[in-house]
Amino acid sequence: FMYAGAVVLLIMMFGLFGTVIRESEAGKYNDQVDMTFRWSMVWIIFSEVMIFAAFFGALFYARM
């Protein structure tokens, strides 16, 4: 089951990224869509940083 899941995940990722690349090269994305992609990546990175900060803050609090 693990290998089947990994294969399905890889197929889906190649399909998704392939579609995004084809749409980008075809010129279907305007400046607003491009800015949306960039801001969404900023928010994802920010949320990951906050998750780690909360985790290590709780660990520090528990040890003190």
C-alpha atoms as a PDB file:
ATOM      1  CA  PHE A   1       0.000   0.000   0.000  1.00  0.00           C
ATOM      2  CA  MET A   2       2.857   2.373   0.759  1.00  0.00           C
ATOM      3  CA  TYR A   3       4.438   1.926  -2.672  1.00  0.00           C
ATOM      4  CA  ALA A   4       1.072   2.279  -4.405  1.00  0.00           C
ATOM      5  CA  GLY A   5       0.429   5.493  -2.474  1.00  0.00           C
ATOM      6  CA  ALA A   6       3.864   6.824  -3.394  1.00  0.00           C
ATOM      7  CA  VAL A   7       3.263   6.057  -7.076  1.00  0.00           C
ATOM      8  CA  VAL A   8      -0.144   7.767  -7.009  1.00  0.00           C
ATOM      9  CA  LEU A   9       1.383  10.790  -5.260  1.00  0.00           C
ATOM     10  CA  LEU A  10       4.157  11.085  -7.855  1.00  0.00           C
ATOM     11  CA  ILE A  11       1.677  10.778 -10.748  1.00  0.00           C
ATOM     12  CA  MET A  12      -0.524  13.479  -9.237  1.00  0.00           C
ATOM     13  CA  MET A  13       2.435  15.807  -8.611  1.00  0.00           C
ATOM     14  CA  PHE A  14       3.779  15.397 -12.155  1.00  0.00           C
ATOM     15  CA  GLY A  15       0.277  16.021 -13.511  1.00  0.00           C
ATOM     16  CA  LEU A  16      -0.278  19.124 -11.381  1.00  0.00           C
ATOM     17  CA  PHE A  17       3.111  20.676 -12.062  1.00  0.00           C
ATOM     18  CA  GLY A  18       2.866  19.787 -15.747  1.00  0.00           C
ATOM     19  CA  THR A  19      -0.485  21.549 -16.009  1.00  0.00           C
ATOM     20  CA  VAL A  20       0.823  24.639 -14.216  1.00  0.00           C
ATOM     21  CA  ILE A  21       3.887  24.778 -16.467  1.00  0.00           C
ATOM     22  CA  ARG A  22       1.810  24.355 -19.656  1.00  0.00           C
ATOM     23  CA  GLU A  23      -0.641  27.069 -18.572  1.00  0.00           C
ATOM     24  CA  SER A  24       2.207  29.419 -17.665  1.00  0.00           C
ATOM     25  CA  GLU A  25       3.992  28.898 -20.979  1.00  0.00           C
ATOM     26  CA  ALA A  26       0.705  29.411 -22.852  1.00  0.00           C
ATOM     27  CA  GLY A  27       0.376  32.841 -21.231  1.00  0.00           C
ATOM     28  CA  LYS A  28      -2.838  32.104 -19.335  1.00  0.00           C
ATOM     29  CA  TYR A  29      -1.603  33.763 -16.153  1.00  0.00           C
ATOM     30  CA  ASN A  30      -1.790  37.522 -15.828  1.00  0.00           C
ATOM     31  CA  ASP A  31       0.043  39.687 -13.293  1.00  0.00           C
ATOM     32  CA  GLN A  32      -2.694  39.294 -10.671  1.00  0.00           C
ATOM     33  CA  VAL A  33      -2.479  35.481 -10.773  1.00  0.00           C
ATOM     34  CA  ASP A  34       1.306  35.671 -10.568  1.00  0.00           C
ATOM     35  CA  MET A  35       1.084  37.943  -7.523  1.00  0.00           C
ATOM     36  CA  THR A  36      -1.442  35.568  -5.939  1.00  0.00           C
ATOM     37  CA  PHE A  37       0.980  32.646  -6.377  1.00  0.00           C
ATOM     38  CA  ARG A  38       3.775  34.651  -4.769  1.00  0.00           C
ATOM     39  CA  TRP A  39       1.677  35.837  -1.801  1.00  0.00           C
ATOM     40  CA  SER A  40       0.340  32.332  -1.181  1.00  0.00           C
ATOM     41  CA  MET A  41       3.912  31.021  -0.980  1.00  0.00           C
ATOM     42  CA  VAL A  42       4.808  33.811   1.464  1.00  0.00           C
ATOM     43  CA  TRP A  43       1.837  32.896   3.691  1.00  0.00           C
ATOM     44  CA  ILE A  44       2.714  29.190   3.598  1.00  0.00           C
ATOM     45  CA  ILE A  45       6.312  29.904   4.649  1.00  0.00           C
ATOM     46  CA  PHE A  46       5.106  32.301   7.358  1.00  0.00           C
ATOM     47  CA  SER A  47       2.691  29.708   8.754  1.00  0.00           C
ATOM     48  CA  GLU A  48       5.444  27.069   8.861  1.00  0.00           C
ATOM     49  CA  VAL A  49       7.736  29.450  10.743  1.00  0.00           C
ATOM     50  CA  MET A  50       4.955  30.186  13.254  1.00  0.00           C
ATOM     51  CA  ILE A  51       4.276  26.460  13.761  1.00  0.00           C
ATOM     52  CA  PHE A  52       7.936  25.822  14.565  1.00  0.00           C
ATOM     53  CA  ALA A  53       8.059  28.891  16.820  1.00  0.00           C
ATOM     54  CA  ALA A  54       5.017  27.651  18.737  1.00  0.00           C
ATOM     55  CA  PHE A  55       6.480  24.158  19.039  1.00  0.00           C
ATOM     56  CA  PHE A  56       9.877  25.290  20.282  1.00  0.00           C
ATOM     57  CA  GLY A  57       8.273  27.950  22.489  1.00  0.00           C
ATOM     58  CA  ALA A  58       6.147  25.273  24.157  1.00  0.00           C
ATOM     59  CA  LEU A  59       9.203  23.038  24.504  1.00  0.00           C
ATOM     60  CA  PHE A  60      11.175  25.882  26.090  1.00  0.00           C
ATOM     61  CA  TYR A  61       8.252  26.671  28.416  1.00  0.00           C
ATOM     62  CA  ALA A  62       7.927  23.030  29.470  1.00  0.00           C
ATOM     63  CA  ARG A  63      11.625  22.778  30.250  1.00  0.00           C
ATOM     64  CA  MET A  64      11.653  25.936  32.320  1.00  0.00           C
END
